[in-house]
Amino acid sequence: TLTQDKIVLENHTDISGKTSERVLHSAWLNSHYQTGLKNLLDTAVLEGTDEESARSLASRWQKIDEIPFDFERRRMSVVVAENTEHHQLVCKGALQ
């Protein structure tokens, strides 16, 4: 609740509304590897991911680069790689 200055992660769904571990894992990678200030949403994602999944993600994925938030793009992004082969760009912010 916002009156307590806390957000709790309840669902993680894909664009079709189905529960998606990939969505949760991507959000965790973004929140974990960003170097800027973490907000309430980042904290909810990090706390809402079980410890085993978090350890597995941290051991399999490494941060390659980061594009910090800027007001023109209105989002921040991290580039991560799994075993240096599978690269993924994870963005958080405005869609346009």
Protein backbone atom coordinates (compact mmCIF):
# COMPACT_ATOMS: atom_id res chain seq x y z
CA THR A 1 0.00 0.00 0.00
CA LEU A 2 1.21 3.47 -0.76
CA THR A 3 0.16 4.80 2.65
CA GLN A 4 2.81 2.52 4.14
CA ASP A 5 5.31 3.40 1.39
CA LYS A 6 5.38 -0.25 0.29
CA ILE A 7 4.37 -2.15 -2.84
CA VAL A 8 3.87 -5.92 -2.91
CA LEU A 9 4.24 -7.96 -6.10
CA GLU A 10 1.10 -10.06 -6.54
CA ASN A 11 1.12 -11.06 -10.22
CA HIS A 12 3.52 -11.26 -13.13
CA THR A 13 1.70 -11.68 -16.42
CA ASP A 14 2.55 -11.50 -20.10
CA ILE A 15 0.75 -9.33 -22.63
CA SER A 16 -2.09 -11.87 -22.93
CA GLY A 17 -2.69 -11.89 -19.16
CA LYS A 18 -1.15 -15.31 -18.48
CA THR A 19 1.20 -15.79 -15.53
CA SER A 20 4.76 -15.68 -16.88
CA GLU A 21 7.96 -16.58 -15.06
CA ARG A 22 9.88 -14.97 -17.94
CA VAL A 23 8.26 -11.62 -17.16
CA LEU A 24 9.19 -11.96 -13.48
CA HIS A 25 12.75 -13.02 -14.33
CA SER A 26 13.21 -10.12 -16.76
CA ALA A 27 11.89 -7.65 -14.19
CA TRP A 28 14.23 -9.14 -11.57
CA LEU A 29 17.24 -8.85 -13.89
CA ASN A 30 16.42 -5.19 -14.58
CA SER A 31 15.89 -4.32 -10.91
CA HIS A 32 18.91 -6.30 -9.72
CA TYR A 33 21.45 -5.01 -12.24
CA GLN A 34 20.47 -1.32 -12.50
CA THR A 35 22.97 0.99 -10.85
CA GLY A 36 20.65 3.94 -10.32
CA LEU A 37 18.37 4.49 -7.35
CA LYS A 38 15.95 1.64 -6.76
CA ASN A 39 12.32 2.66 -6.39
CA LEU A 40 9.41 0.93 -4.65
CA LEU A 41 8.66 -1.14 -7.76
CA ASP A 42 12.24 -2.45 -7.87
CA THR A 43 12.05 -3.38 -4.20
CA ALA A 44 8.74 -5.21 -4.73
CA VAL A 45 10.18 -7.21 -7.65
CA LEU A 46 13.37 -8.09 -5.77
CA GLU A 47 11.46 -9.09 -2.62
CA GLY A 48 8.73 -10.88 -4.61
CA THR A 49 11.18 -13.28 -6.26
CA ASP A 50 12.03 -16.39 -4.25
CA GLU A 51 15.64 -16.77 -3.14
CA GLU A 52 16.31 -19.89 -5.22
CA SER A 53 15.18 -18.17 -8.43
CA ALA A 54 17.19 -15.06 -7.57
CA ARG A 55 20.36 -17.11 -6.97
CA SER A 56 19.82 -19.02 -10.22
CA LEU A 57 19.27 -15.85 -12.24
CA ALA A 58 22.31 -14.12 -10.73
CA SER A 59 24.53 -17.12 -11.48
CA ARG A 60 23.31 -17.62 -15.07
CA TRP A 61 22.92 -14.01 -16.25
CA GLN A 62 25.52 -11.29 -16.19
CA LYS A 63 25.15 -7.59 -16.89
CA ILE A 64 26.76 -6.47 -20.15
CA ASP A 65 25.73 -2.82 -20.24
CA GLU A 66 23.24 -0.29 -18.93
CA ILE A 67 21.44 2.63 -20.51
CA PRO A 68 20.51 4.96 -17.64
CA PHE A 69 17.14 6.66 -17.39
CA ASP A 70 16.84 9.86 -19.37
CA PHE A 71 13.90 12.19 -19.84
CA GLU A 72 13.92 11.93 -23.64
CA ARG A 73 13.64 8.11 -23.73
CA ARG A 74 11.68 8.05 -20.44
CA ARG A 75 13.06 4.63 -19.58
CA MET A 76 16.16 2.83 -18.39
CA SER A 77 17.54 -0.42 -19.78
CA VAL A 78 20.01 -3.14 -18.95
CA VAL A 79 21.63 -5.56 -21.38
CA VAL A 80 22.18 -8.99 -19.88
CA ALA A 81 23.65 -12.19 -21.28
CA GLU A 82 23.15 -15.82 -20.40
CA ASN A 83 26.41 -17.72 -20.89
CA THR A 84 27.64 -14.86 -23.13
CA GLU A 85 25.46 -16.23 -25.94
CA HIS A 86 21.87 -15.17 -25.35
CA HIS A 87 21.70 -11.38 -25.00
CA GLN A 88 18.57 -9.63 -23.79
CA LEU A 89 17.68 -5.95 -23.50
CA VAL A 90 15.33 -5.34 -20.55
CA CYS A 91 13.67 -1.91 -20.43
CA LYS A 92 11.66 -0.26 -17.68
CA GLY A 93 9.64 2.89 -18.29
CA ALA A 94 7.48 4.48 -20.96
CA LEU A 95 6.53 2.46 -24.05
CA GLN A 96 6.50 5.26 -26.61
